[in-house]
Amino acid sequence: MKTERLFNDNPYLEEFNAKVVEVIPFNDKYGVVLDKTAFYPEGGGQPSDTGHLNDVNVLQVIDKDGQLLHIVDKPLESETVKGLINWPRRFDHMQQHTGQHILSECFEKLLNGSTDSFHLGKDIVSIEINIENFNDSDMPQIENMANAIIYSNLPVTAKIVTDEELQSIPLRKKPKVSENIRIVEVKEFDYSPCGGTHVGATGEVGMIKIINWEKCKGGFRFTFVCGYRALKDYSLQNSITRALGEKLSVRDFDIVEAVGKLQADYRIAVKQLSAATQELIKYEAEQLLAESNQVGGLKLISKILEGRSMNDAKLLAQYLTQSPGTIVLLACRNETAQVLFTRSEDASIDMNNLLKKVFPIIDGKGGGNARTAQGGGDKVDKLDDFLSAAANMLNI
């Protein structure tokens, strides 16, 4: 026996009574089959309804060979149940799905773009439109047409049609089934084969707002929101805009210009800081070279850079190794240890071999070549022992 689908005739039905036909194990839960149901099963890009059967949670509904399995988290004991739909979730899906039909037809009429796929997610809806190009100037005309259809409050109806009726309907897409074909019509605007739940008039969609688009295989993927989701999104964007305006001390329509000025000032500041940092590190290198001891014709500079970056270490090493006969052992002490061993071109020490010999002290990994090697380790507290051991192995 196939389950009678009450949602086809009345998508606004929130409560119903039904007989339990069967309860079967389903993974680690249970699948309840009813003689009739208002719960919509997942399919066609639309998620299933959730809600309750008596006091048992309905987590998901799936269509299995014409029978609808209500997946519940504990077994049902009674032979009859009172079903209660999670109405906010159902109405949200009705708004989004009807909005998708409207938007898809707008793409069809304005850009000759067919809809290849539809996905109704928890926060956003996406459709993939088979078009070659799309740009900023295309969006207003799509949105304006879609919202004009909403404001016209056109009736939205659904019915099973005969083969003869089907021939006279200007379908936006071909049906995927060959019998019991259900056509959802946005009056004299869109005709689409669909088994989903929809609002009774376009005005209930509230509004449609495209929030992003990106190139994808076969066309473009558009994400959008309708109804209460659009209101929620607008509230979020408004709060962000107000917060930015307050922080920048400008009006909302001046935010972009103010951010552009901040970016320009930031780039200048970064250049100035970089120049100053280079000068300081150059001076630091000169001081280290002046204070270094020459042993066996080579200068050894071993230093831990507290809380500094590897970029600082590399720049410092670059200045130091410009001086002939110089060996440089540097370590940056942060949450982890980063180390750099290098030398001037005329020195003959194999720095990669040296680094690998002392790496176990800091549980380090890395490598390089005979002139320069680098890496990192977890034992930050062992950095002093690490550098001392490396210096002792040099024998200079």
Protein backbone atom coordinates (compact mmCIF):
# COMPACT_ATOMS: atom_id res chain seq x y z
CA MET A 1 0.00 0.00 0.00
CA LYS A 2 1.35 3.39 -0.97
CA THR A 3 1.20 6.22 1.53
CA GLU A 4 -1.45 8.86 0.79
CA ARG A 5 0.35 12.20 0.41
CA LEU A 6 -1.80 14.84 2.07
CA PHE A 7 0.71 17.62 1.32
CA ASN A 8 -0.07 17.36 -2.40
CA ASP A 9 -3.59 18.68 -1.87
CA ASN A 10 -2.91 20.94 1.09
CA PRO A 11 0.67 22.08 1.78
CA TYR A 12 -0.68 24.21 4.66
CA LEU A 13 -1.81 21.16 6.64
CA GLU A 14 0.10 21.20 9.93
CA GLU A 15 -1.65 18.40 11.84
CA PHE A 16 -3.19 15.08 10.83
CA ASN A 17 -4.22 11.71 12.21
CA ALA A 18 -3.07 8.45 10.63
CA LYS A 19 -2.80 4.69 11.15
CA VAL A 20 0.57 3.02 11.63
CA VAL A 21 1.04 0.43 8.88
CA GLU A 22 4.51 -0.78 9.82
CA VAL A 23 7.55 0.06 11.95
CA ILE A 24 10.85 -1.28 10.64
CA PRO A 25 14.48 -0.95 11.84
CA PHE A 26 16.35 1.72 9.89
CA ASN A 27 20.09 1.93 10.56
CA ASP A 28 20.21 2.68 14.31
CA LYS A 29 16.71 4.21 14.29
CA TYR A 30 13.21 3.26 13.10
CA GLY A 31 11.20 3.82 9.92
CA VAL A 32 7.47 4.35 10.41
CA VAL A 33 5.07 3.73 7.51
CA LEU A 34 1.66 5.44 7.77
CA ASP A 35 -1.47 5.04 5.68
CA LYS A 36 -1.37 8.80 5.04
CA THR A 37 0.91 11.67 5.91
CA ALA A 38 1.41 15.42 5.64
CA PHE A 39 5.19 15.00 5.98
CA TYR A 40 7.02 15.86 2.75
CA PRO A 41 9.88 13.43 1.90
CA GLU A 42 13.22 14.74 0.70
CA GLY A 43 13.54 14.89 -3.07
CA GLY A 44 13.81 17.19 -6.04
CA GLY A 45 16.29 19.42 -4.25
CA GLN A 46 13.96 20.02 -1.29
CA PRO A 47 14.75 18.61 2.19
CA SER A 48 12.14 16.61 4.06
CA ASP A 49 9.86 17.90 6.76
CA THR A 50 10.54 17.27 10.43
CA GLY A 51 8.16 17.26 13.38
CA HIS A 52 6.47 14.71 15.64
CA LEU A 53 4.37 11.56 15.57
CA ASN A 54 2.67 11.67 18.98
CA ASP A 55 5.64 12.48 21.25
CA VAL A 56 8.29 10.91 18.99
CA ASN A 57 10.64 13.10 16.94
CA VAL A 58 10.49 12.75 13.16
CA LEU A 59 14.08 13.39 12.05
CA GLN A 60 13.74 12.77 8.32
CA VAL A 61 11.26 11.42 5.77
CA ILE A 62 12.32 9.38 2.75
CA ASP A 63 10.46 7.86 -0.17
CA LYS A 64 11.06 4.13 -0.49
CA ASP A 65 9.17 2.48 -3.36
CA GLY A 66 6.14 4.72 -2.91
CA GLN A 67 6.00 4.27 0.83
CA LEU A 68 7.14 7.17 2.96
CA LEU A 69 9.43 6.20 5.81
CA HIS A 70 9.25 8.57 8.79
CA ILE A 71 12.61 8.16 10.49
CA VAL A 72 12.16 8.41 14.25
CA ASP A 73 14.57 8.15 17.17
CA LYS A 74 12.54 5.64 19.22
CA PRO A 75 9.90 2.99 18.44
CA LEU A 76 6.20 3.84 18.22
CA GLU A 77 3.94 1.77 20.42
CA SER A 78 0.47 2.94 19.30
CA GLU A 79 -1.51 1.88 16.24
CA THR A 80 -2.62 5.42 15.47
CA VAL A 81 -0.68 8.67 15.60
CA LYS A 82 -1.21 12.40 15.56
CA GLY A 83 1.29 13.99 13.20
CA LEU A 84 2.56 17.51 13.78
CA ILE A 85 4.64 19.26 11.11
CA ASN A 86 7.45 21.63 12.02
CA TRP A 87 5.57 24.50 10.41
CA PRO A 88 8.27 27.23 10.38
CA ARG A 89 10.56 24.81 8.54
CA ARG A 90 7.78 23.76 6.12
CA PHE A 91 6.76 27.36 5.31
CA ASP A 92 10.39 28.35 4.82
CA HIS A 93 10.79 25.53 2.28
CA MET A 94 7.56 26.63 0.55
CA GLN A 95 8.86 30.19 0.25
CA GLN A 96 12.27 29.14 -1.04
CA HIS A 97 10.96 26.55 -3.51
CA THR A 98 8.34 28.86 -5.01
CA GLY A 99 10.97 31.59 -5.18
CA GLN A 100 13.21 29.22 -7.10
CA HIS A 101 10.49 28.57 -9.69
CA ILE A 102 10.02 32.32 -10.15
CA LEU A 103 13.75 33.02 -10.41
CA SER A 104 14.37 30.13 -12.81
CA GLU A 105 11.65 31.42 -15.14
CA CYS A 106 13.18 34.92 -15.02
CA PHE A 107 16.52 33.50 -16.16
CA GLU A 108 14.68 31.59 -18.89
CA LYS A 109 12.80 34.64 -20.17
CA LEU A 110 15.56 37.25 -19.88
CA LEU A 111 18.77 35.32 -20.56
CA ASN A 112 17.48 32.12 -22.16
CA GLY A 113 19.12 30.22 -19.31
CA SER A 114 17.74 26.84 -18.28
CA THR A 115 18.02 25.57 -14.69
CA ASP A 116 20.29 22.53 -14.45
CA SER A 117 20.05 21.94 -10.70
CA PHE A 118 18.41 23.21 -7.53
CA HIS A 119 19.52 22.82 -3.90
CA LEU A 120 17.59 24.04 -0.89
CA GLY A 121 20.03 24.31 2.02
CA LYS A 122 19.59 25.32 5.64
CA ASP A 123 20.59 28.95 5.09
CA ILE A 124 20.68 29.57 1.33
CA VAL A 125 19.24 28.23 -1.89
CA SER A 126 21.30 27.65 -5.02
CA ILE A 127 20.49 27.02 -8.65
CA GLU A 128 22.79 26.35 -11.57
CA ILE A 129 21.82 28.19 -14.72
CA ASN A 130 23.07 27.11 -18.13
CA ILE A 131 24.35 30.46 -19.48
CA GLU A 132 27.74 31.46 -20.85
CA ASN A 133 28.02 34.94 -19.33
CA PHE A 134 26.67 36.91 -16.39
CA ASN A 135 27.77 40.26 -14.95
CA ASP A 136 26.70 42.95 -12.48
CA SER A 137 24.43 44.67 -14.98
CA ASP A 138 22.36 41.50 -15.47
CA MET A 139 21.42 41.09 -11.82
CA PRO A 140 19.00 44.07 -11.40
CA GLN A 141 16.80 43.03 -14.32
CA ILE A 142 16.59 39.44 -13.02
CA GLU A 143 15.76 40.56 -9.48
CA ASN A 144 13.33 43.25 -10.61
CA MET A 145 11.32 40.81 -12.72
CA ALA A 146 11.30 38.19 -9.95
CA ASN A 147 10.11 40.62 -7.31
CA ALA A 148 7.54 42.17 -9.65
CA ILE A 149 6.00 38.68 -9.96
CA ILE A 150 5.97 38.42 -6.16
CA TYR A 151 4.29 41.81 -5.72
CA SER A 152 1.68 40.86 -8.31
CA ASN A 153 0.55 38.14 -5.84
CA LEU A 154 -0.17 35.65 -8.61
CA PRO A 155 -1.95 32.40 -7.66
CA VAL A 156 0.28 29.32 -7.37
CA THR A 157 -1.51 26.06 -8.07
CA ALA A 158 -0.53 22.41 -8.44
CA LYS A 159 -2.37 19.53 -10.08
CA ILE A 160 -1.88 16.18 -11.77
CA VAL A 161 -2.43 16.59 -15.50
CA THR A 162 -3.45 14.20 -18.26
CA ASP A 163 -1.26 13.46 -21.27
CA GLU A 164 -3.61 15.57 -23.38
CA GLU A 165 -3.39 18.55 -21.00
CA LEU A 166 0.38 18.21 -20.85
CA GLN A 167 0.70 18.79 -24.59
CA SER A 168 -0.84 22.26 -24.31
CA ILE A 169 1.22 23.47 -21.32
CA PRO A 170 4.32 25.64 -22.04
CA LEU A 171 6.61 23.75 -19.65
CA ARG A 172 9.87 25.34 -18.52
CA LYS A 173 11.43 21.87 -18.28
CA LYS A 174 10.48 18.33 -19.21
CA PRO A 175 9.03 16.02 -16.50
CA LYS A 176 11.27 13.27 -15.13
CA VAL A 177 8.36 10.83 -14.75
CA SER A 178 5.95 9.45 -17.31
CA GLU A 179 2.80 9.19 -15.18
CA ASN A 180 1.03 11.14 -12.44
CA ILE A 181 2.78 14.26 -13.67
CA ARG A 182 2.19 17.13 -11.25
CA ILE A 183 2.46 20.64 -12.68
CA VAL A 184 3.06 23.65 -10.44
CA GLU A 185 1.82 26.83 -12.12
CA VAL A 186 2.61 30.41 -11.23
CA LYS A 187 -0.41 31.82 -13.04
CA GLU A 188 0.41 32.57 -16.68
CA PHE A 189 4.11 32.96 -15.83
CA ASP A 190 5.76 29.62 -15.02
CA TYR A 191 4.74 25.99 -15.56
CA SER A 192 7.00 23.37 -14.10
CA PRO A 193 6.67 19.65 -13.25
CA CYS A 194 7.35 19.44 -9.51
CA GLY A 195 6.41 17.37 -6.50
CA GLY A 196 7.45 19.95 -3.90
CA THR A 197 5.45 22.11 -1.52
CA HIS A 198 4.65 25.69 -2.54
CA VAL A 199 2.88 28.77 -1.25
CA GLY A 200 -0.62 29.57 -2.51
CA ALA A 201 0.28 32.96 -4.01
CA THR A 202 3.54 34.62 -5.00
CA GLY A 203 3.09 37.40 -2.44
CA GLU A 204 3.87 34.89 0.31
CA VAL A 205 7.41 34.50 -1.04
CA GLY A 206 8.05 37.98 0.40
CA MET A 207 11.03 38.91 -1.72
CA ILE A 208 13.92 37.37 -3.64
CA LYS A 209 17.51 38.54 -3.26
CA ILE A 210 20.49 37.07 -5.14
CA ILE A 211 23.41 37.18 -2.74
CA ASN A 212 26.20 35.63 -4.81
CA TRP A 213 27.07 34.01 -8.12
CA GLU A 214 30.06 32.12 -9.43
CA LYS A 215 31.16 30.36 -12.57
CA CYS A 216 30.66 26.61 -12.52
CA LYS A 217 30.79 23.74 -14.99
CA GLY A 218 28.05 24.32 -17.53
CA GLY A 219 27.17 27.87 -16.51
CA PHE A 220 26.77 29.89 -13.32
CA ARG A 221 25.72 28.96 -9.79
CA PHE A 222 23.48 31.50 -8.05
CA THR A 223 22.76 31.59 -4.34
CA PHE A 224 19.73 33.50 -3.14
CA VAL A 225 17.29 33.89 -0.26
CA CYS A 226 13.54 34.42 -0.08
CA GLY A 227 10.99 35.47 2.53
CA TYR A 228 12.08 35.31 6.15
CA ARG A 229 15.58 34.27 5.07
CA ALA A 230 15.84 37.49 3.04
CA LEU A 231 14.66 39.50 6.05
CA LYS A 232 17.23 37.79 8.25
CA ASP A 233 19.95 38.44 5.69
CA TYR A 234 18.94 42.11 5.37
CA SER A 235 19.03 42.50 9.17
CA LEU A 236 22.54 41.03 9.22
CA GLN A 237 23.79 43.26 6.40
CA ASN A 238 22.22 46.30 8.02
CA SER A 239 23.86 45.60 11.38
CA ILE A 240 27.24 45.11 9.66
CA THR A 241 26.83 48.34 7.70
CA ARG A 242 25.85 50.31 10.81
CA ALA A 243 28.77 48.89 12.79
CA LEU A 244 31.24 49.73 10.02
CA GLY A 245 29.80 53.22 9.68
CA GLU A 246 30.23 53.83 13.40
CA LYS A 247 33.81 52.54 13.43
CA LEU A 248 34.75 54.62 10.38
CA SER A 249 32.66 57.64 11.48
CA VAL A 250 30.99 57.88 8.08
CA ARG A 251 27.51 57.43 6.63
CA ASP A 252 26.60 54.08 5.10
CA PHE A 253 27.00 55.25 1.51
CA ASP A 254 30.52 56.54 2.28
CA ILE A 255 31.80 53.24 3.72
CA VAL A 256 33.32 51.93 0.48
CA GLU A 257 35.25 55.16 -0.09
CA ALA A 258 36.41 55.21 3.54
CA VAL A 259 37.63 51.61 3.34
CA GLY A 260 39.46 52.43 0.11
CA LYS A 261 41.27 55.28 1.88
CA LEU A 262 42.14 52.98 4.78
CA GLN A 263 43.58 50.43 2.37
CA ALA A 264 45.69 53.10 0.65
CA ASP A 265 46.95 54.38 4.03
CA TYR A 266 47.68 50.81 5.11
CA ARG A 267 49.76 50.10 2.00
CA ILE A 268 51.81 53.24 2.64
CA ALA A 269 52.26 52.31 6.31
CA VAL A 270 53.37 48.78 5.36
CA LYS A 271 55.99 50.17 2.98
CA GLN A 272 57.24 52.60 5.62
CA LEU A 273 57.35 49.88 8.28
CA SER A 274 59.16 47.53 5.92
CA ALA A 275 61.78 50.17 5.16
CA ALA A 276 62.23 50.97 8.85
CA THR A 277 62.45 47.29 9.75
CA GLN A 278 65.12 46.72 7.12
CA GLU A 279 67.16 49.60 8.49
CA LEU A 280 66.86 48.30 12.06
CA ILE A 281 67.80 44.76 11.04
CA LYS A 282 70.72 46.10 9.01
CA TYR A 283 71.90 48.00 12.09
CA GLU A 284 71.38 44.86 14.21
CA ALA A 285 73.53 42.87 11.76
CA GLU A 286 76.32 45.45 11.95
CA GLN A 287 76.26 45.28 15.76
CA LEU A 288 76.35 41.48 15.79
CA LEU A 289 79.27 41.41 13.35
CA ALA A 290 81.15 43.98 15.42
CA GLU A 291 80.63 41.96 18.62
CA SER A 292 81.42 38.56 17.08
CA ASN A 293 84.57 36.63 17.91
CA GLN A 294 86.79 35.37 15.13
CA VAL A 295 88.03 31.84 15.67
CA GLY A 296 89.98 29.93 13.08
CA GLY A 297 89.38 32.65 10.54
CA LEU A 298 85.57 32.42 10.80
CA LYS A 299 83.01 34.54 12.63
CA LEU A 300 80.23 32.69 14.50
CA ILE A 301 76.97 34.49 15.22
CA SER A 302 74.48 32.50 17.31
CA LYS A 303 71.33 34.22 18.53
CA ILE A 304 67.75 33.53 19.67
CA LEU A 305 65.24 36.06 18.34
CA GLU A 306 62.53 36.28 21.00
CA GLY A 307 58.98 36.55 19.60
CA ARG A 308 60.20 37.47 16.12
CA SER A 309 59.31 36.07 12.73
CA MET A 310 61.24 33.87 10.36
CA ASN A 311 61.18 36.74 7.86
CA ASP A 312 63.18 38.82 10.34
CA ALA A 313 65.63 35.94 10.74
CA LYS A 314 66.07 35.55 6.99
CA LEU A 315 66.67 39.27 6.45
CA LEU A 316 69.13 39.39 9.33
CA ALA A 317 70.97 36.35 7.96
CA GLN A 318 71.10 37.96 4.52
CA TYR A 319 72.92 41.01 5.90
CA LEU A 320 75.21 38.93 8.10
CA THR A 321 76.35 36.54 5.38
CA GLN A 322 77.39 39.44 3.15
CA SER A 323 80.42 39.59 5.42
CA PRO A 324 83.05 36.99 4.36
CA GLY A 325 83.85 34.08 6.64
CA THR A 326 80.59 34.17 8.62
CA ILE A 327 78.58 31.33 10.16
CA VAL A 328 75.03 32.22 11.29
CA LEU A 329 72.87 30.17 13.67
CA LEU A 330 69.50 31.82 14.33
CA ALA A 331 66.37 30.68 16.17
CA CYS A 332 62.94 32.33 16.55
CA ARG A 333 61.32 31.55 19.88
CA ASN A 334 57.48 31.69 19.66
CA GLU A 335 54.86 29.02 20.41
CA THR A 336 57.08 26.75 18.34
CA ALA A 337 60.75 27.00 17.46
CA GLN A 338 61.93 28.02 13.99
CA VAL A 339 65.61 27.79 13.11
CA LEU A 340 67.90 28.96 10.32
CA PHE A 341 71.49 27.88 9.75
CA THR A 342 73.41 29.64 6.99
CA ARG A 343 76.89 30.89 6.04
CA SER A 344 78.72 33.25 3.74
CA GLU A 345 79.64 31.88 0.34
CA ASP A 346 83.34 31.50 1.11
CA ALA A 347 82.84 29.34 4.24
CA SER A 348 82.95 25.58 3.74
CA ILE A 349 80.73 24.27 6.56
CA ASP A 350 77.83 21.97 5.50
CA MET A 351 74.91 23.74 7.24
CA ASN A 352 72.31 21.13 6.27
CA ASN A 353 74.39 18.34 7.81
CA LEU A 354 74.94 20.41 10.95
CA LEU A 355 71.23 21.16 11.35
CA LYS A 356 70.23 17.52 11.02
CA LYS A 357 72.74 16.48 13.71
CA VAL A 358 71.23 18.80 16.33
CA PHE A 359 67.56 18.61 15.28
CA PRO A 360 66.73 15.82 17.80
CA ILE A 361 67.31 18.29 20.66
CA ILE A 362 64.16 20.23 19.69
CA ASP A 363 62.32 17.36 17.94
CA GLY A 364 62.87 19.29 14.74
CA LYS A 365 62.25 18.70 11.08
CA GLY A 366 63.49 20.50 7.98
CA GLY A 367 66.44 20.70 5.66
CA GLY A 368 68.14 22.61 2.89
CA ASN A 369 71.53 22.58 1.22
CA ALA A 370 75.15 22.94 2.23
CA ARG A 371 74.91 26.73 2.49
CA THR A 372 71.45 27.25 4.04
CA ALA A 373 69.08 24.98 5.96
CA GLN A 374 66.00 25.72 8.03
CA GLY A 375 63.17 24.05 9.90
CA GLY A 376 61.21 23.95 13.12
CA GLY A 377 60.61 22.01 16.30
CA ASP A 378 58.30 21.72 19.30
CA LYS A 379 60.77 21.91 22.20
CA VAL A 380 61.03 25.68 22.48
CA ASP A 381 62.62 25.42 25.94
CA LYS A 382 65.58 23.53 24.42
CA LEU A 383 66.64 26.26 21.97
CA ASP A 384 69.63 27.39 24.07
CA ASP A 385 70.93 23.81 24.26
CA PHE A 386 70.22 23.41 20.54
CA LEU A 387 72.34 26.40 19.51
CA SER A 388 75.11 25.57 21.99
CA ALA A 389 75.35 22.03 20.63
CA ALA A 390 75.56 23.32 17.05
CA ALA A 391 78.31 25.80 17.99
CA ASN A 392 80.32 23.09 19.76
CA MET A 393 80.12 20.82 16.70
CA LEU A 394 81.63 23.55 14.53
CA ASN A 395 84.91 23.47 16.51
CA ILE A 396 85.75 27.05 15.61
